[in-house]
Amino acid sequence: PCFANAGSWMALAVLLVVFTLWTFNEIYGNPVTKNAAKEAVQEYLEMEYPGKALYIESVSYNMSAGSYEAWIAGKDGGFYVSWRDGRILYDTFGEIIK
């Protein structure tokens, strides 16, 4: 008798977990995709700015743009590189570092 609705409770629990994970992903981004963004930005830096002492200080998810923003630091300052869906959207090197 106690377990008569166990299937309903289990379905509700699964639905709650899926909703929680989806919400987390929408707000904070996917950790696997974040790592892919970091690797892609690192390759981009090596190709676009060879010989410059630049490093990725942080990568965060920009919920409003649906992209990952990497803060790039160097001796002359820092700038952003934006990545989404396997491609670099923009960088702000020329806007911030002159």
Protein backbone atom coordinates (compact mmCIF):
# COMPACT_ATOMS: atom_id res chain seq x y z
CA PRO A 1 0.00 0.00 0.00
CA CYS A 2 2.79 2.48 0.79
CA PHE A 3 4.48 1.82 -2.51
CA ALA A 4 1.38 1.98 -4.67
CA ASN A 5 2.45 5.34 -6.12
CA ALA A 6 6.19 4.65 -6.11
CA GLY A 7 6.36 4.94 -9.90
CA SER A 8 4.75 8.37 -9.79
CA TRP A 9 7.13 9.55 -7.08
CA MET A 10 10.11 8.18 -9.01
CA ALA A 11 8.99 9.96 -12.18
CA LEU A 12 8.57 13.18 -10.23
CA ALA A 13 12.04 12.79 -8.69
CA VAL A 14 13.61 12.18 -12.11
CA LEU A 15 11.78 15.18 -13.54
CA LEU A 16 13.01 17.36 -10.67
CA VAL A 17 16.63 16.24 -11.18
CA VAL A 18 16.44 16.87 -14.94
CA PHE A 19 14.93 20.32 -14.38
CA THR A 20 17.61 21.18 -11.80
CA LEU A 21 20.44 20.10 -14.11
CA TRP A 22 18.93 21.99 -17.06
CA THR A 23 18.56 25.15 -14.94
CA PHE A 24 22.15 24.88 -13.69
CA ASN A 25 23.36 24.45 -17.27
CA GLU A 26 21.41 27.51 -18.45
CA ILE A 27 22.80 29.71 -15.68
CA TYR A 28 26.38 28.48 -15.28
CA GLY A 29 27.08 26.67 -18.54
CA ASN A 30 28.19 23.14 -19.18
CA PRO A 31 31.55 22.19 -17.60
CA VAL A 32 32.49 20.02 -20.60
CA THR A 33 31.70 22.81 -23.05
CA LYS A 34 33.55 25.29 -20.83
CA ASN A 35 36.67 23.15 -21.12
CA ALA A 36 36.24 22.95 -24.91
CA ALA A 37 35.94 26.75 -25.01
CA LYS A 38 39.13 27.12 -22.96
CA GLU A 39 41.05 24.82 -25.30
CA ALA A 40 39.73 26.61 -28.40
CA VAL A 41 40.63 30.01 -26.97
CA GLN A 42 44.14 28.76 -26.13
CA GLU A 43 44.60 27.63 -29.75
CA TYR A 44 43.23 30.97 -30.96
CA LEU A 45 45.71 32.89 -28.81
CA GLU A 46 48.63 30.84 -30.13
CA MET A 47 47.57 31.51 -33.74
CA GLU A 48 46.51 35.17 -33.44
CA TYR A 49 49.11 36.44 -30.97
CA PRO A 50 52.26 34.35 -31.37
CA GLY A 51 55.12 35.38 -29.16
CA LYS A 52 52.94 37.39 -26.79
CA ALA A 53 53.00 36.37 -23.13
CA LEU A 54 49.25 35.87 -22.75
CA TYR A 55 47.40 33.42 -20.56
CA ILE A 56 43.78 32.56 -19.84
CA GLU A 57 42.99 33.84 -16.39
CA SER A 58 39.35 32.72 -16.29
CA VAL A 59 36.52 31.37 -18.42
CA SER A 60 32.90 32.04 -17.56
CA TYR A 61 29.52 31.52 -19.16
CA ASN A 62 27.69 34.60 -20.46
CA MET A 63 24.05 33.61 -20.08
CA SER A 64 22.65 36.54 -22.05
CA ALA A 65 24.86 35.84 -25.08
CA GLY A 66 24.92 32.06 -24.70
CA SER A 67 28.70 32.11 -25.07
CA TYR A 68 31.80 31.56 -23.00
CA GLU A 69 33.96 34.57 -22.20
CA ALA A 70 37.65 34.04 -21.53
CA TRP A 71 39.56 36.80 -19.73
CA ILE A 72 43.04 36.92 -21.22
CA ALA A 73 45.80 38.51 -19.17
CA GLY A 74 49.23 39.72 -20.19
CA LYS A 75 51.87 42.24 -19.18
CA ASP A 76 50.09 45.06 -21.05
CA GLY A 77 46.67 44.37 -19.53
CA GLY A 78 43.83 42.06 -20.36
CA PHE A 79 41.04 41.50 -22.84
CA TYR A 80 38.13 39.17 -23.57
CA VAL A 81 37.75 36.43 -26.15
CA SER A 82 34.23 35.14 -26.74
CA TRP A 83 33.51 31.56 -27.93
CA ARG A 84 30.26 29.81 -28.92
CA ASP A 85 29.38 26.70 -30.93
CA GLY A 86 32.95 25.87 -31.86
CA ARG A 87 34.04 29.29 -33.09
CA ILE A 88 35.50 32.52 -31.80
CA LEU A 89 32.93 35.30 -31.93
CA TYR A 90 35.19 38.24 -31.10
CA ASP A 91 38.08 39.45 -29.03
CA THR A 92 38.59 42.86 -27.47
CA PHE A 93 42.38 43.04 -27.75
CA GLY A 94 42.42 46.17 -29.90
CA GLU A 95 39.76 47.87 -27.80
CA ILE A 96 41.48 47.43 -24.44
CA ILE A 97 45.19 47.03 -25.20
CA LYS A 98 46.62 49.77 -27.39
